[in-house]
Amino acid sequence: TLKSYWIRRGSAFSTALARPETELTPEMISTGSWRRLPFKPYNFSSLGLPPACGHLHPLLKVRSELRQIFLEMG
């Protein structure tokens, strides 16, 4: 069996890469340009970035150090 395909340029063919907008700015709202811009769809099932901050409470640090000392003493 021999299959062949014809590939043609469609109506949406373009050599330029169009990147959709990701943020809606106050300038877009005031000028009304947001109406004719393509926006990236939201992904509500993504987990997002983990928080970049967070530290142990000082009393928890002391408690874990004391626990380690007592474990080493037996």
Protein backbone atom coordinates (compact mmCIF):
# COMPACT_ATOMS: atom_id res chain seq x y z
CA THR A 1 0.00 0.00 0.00
CA LEU A 2 1.35 3.37 -1.01
CA LYS A 3 -0.04 6.51 0.62
CA SER A 4 0.80 10.05 -0.36
CA TYR A 5 -0.23 13.38 1.11
CA TRP A 6 -0.39 16.88 -0.31
CA ILE A 7 0.53 19.60 2.14
CA ARG A 8 -0.56 23.15 1.37
CA ARG A 9 -0.39 26.41 3.22
CA GLY A 10 -3.60 27.19 5.03
CA SER A 11 -5.22 30.53 5.71
CA ALA A 12 -3.47 30.81 9.09
CA PHE A 13 0.03 30.09 7.69
CA SER A 14 2.71 32.52 8.81
CA THR A 15 6.49 32.46 9.02
CA ALA A 16 6.47 34.82 12.01
CA LEU A 17 6.01 33.28 15.44
CA ALA A 18 3.15 34.98 17.30
CA ARG A 19 3.37 34.75 21.07
CA PRO A 20 0.08 35.14 22.94
CA GLU A 21 -0.16 37.69 25.72
CA THR A 22 0.12 36.39 29.27
CA GLU A 23 -0.80 39.47 31.30
CA LEU A 24 -3.49 42.11 31.09
CA THR A 25 -2.03 45.55 31.85
CA PRO A 26 -3.83 48.80 32.75
CA GLU A 27 -2.60 50.31 29.47
CA MET A 28 -4.31 47.53 27.49
CA ILE A 29 -7.56 48.18 29.34
CA SER A 30 -7.44 51.96 28.86
CA THR A 31 -6.65 51.76 25.13
CA GLY A 32 -8.91 48.77 24.44
CA SER A 33 -6.10 46.90 22.65
CA TRP A 34 -6.81 43.75 24.71
CA ARG A 35 -9.88 43.03 22.55
CA ARG A 36 -7.85 42.14 19.47
CA LEU A 37 -4.89 40.40 21.16
CA PRO A 38 -4.67 36.62 21.59
CA PHE A 39 -4.19 35.55 25.21
CA LYS A 40 -2.58 32.39 26.52
CA PRO A 41 -5.20 30.09 28.11
CA TYR A 42 -5.03 29.51 31.86
CA ASN A 43 -3.91 26.13 33.18
CA PHE A 44 -5.89 25.66 36.37
CA SER A 45 -4.53 22.16 36.97
CA SER A 46 -0.88 23.21 37.26
CA LEU A 47 0.73 23.20 40.69
CA GLY A 48 2.64 26.47 40.39
CA LEU A 49 6.02 27.39 41.81
CA PRO A 50 6.95 26.29 45.31
CA PRO A 51 7.46 29.16 47.77
CA ALA A 52 11.05 30.39 47.80
CA CYS A 53 11.04 31.42 51.47
CA GLY A 54 10.43 29.87 54.83
CA HIS A 55 12.57 29.12 57.85
CA LEU A 56 12.28 27.12 61.03
CA HIS A 57 11.18 28.94 64.14
CA PRO A 58 14.18 29.58 66.46
CA LEU A 59 12.64 27.49 69.25
CA LEU A 60 12.19 24.56 66.85
CA LYS A 61 15.87 24.85 65.91
CA VAL A 62 16.91 24.72 69.58
CA ARG A 63 14.60 21.77 70.20
CA SER A 64 16.04 19.80 67.28
CA GLU A 65 19.62 20.59 68.40
CA LEU A 66 18.83 19.42 71.95
CA ARG A 67 17.18 16.27 70.60
CA GLN A 68 20.28 15.54 68.51
CA ILE A 69 22.55 16.06 71.54
CA PHE A 70 20.49 13.68 73.69
CA LEU A 71 20.41 11.09 70.89
CA GLU A 72 24.20 11.22 70.63
CA MET A 73 24.50 10.80 74.42
CA GLY A 74 22.30 7.74 74.28
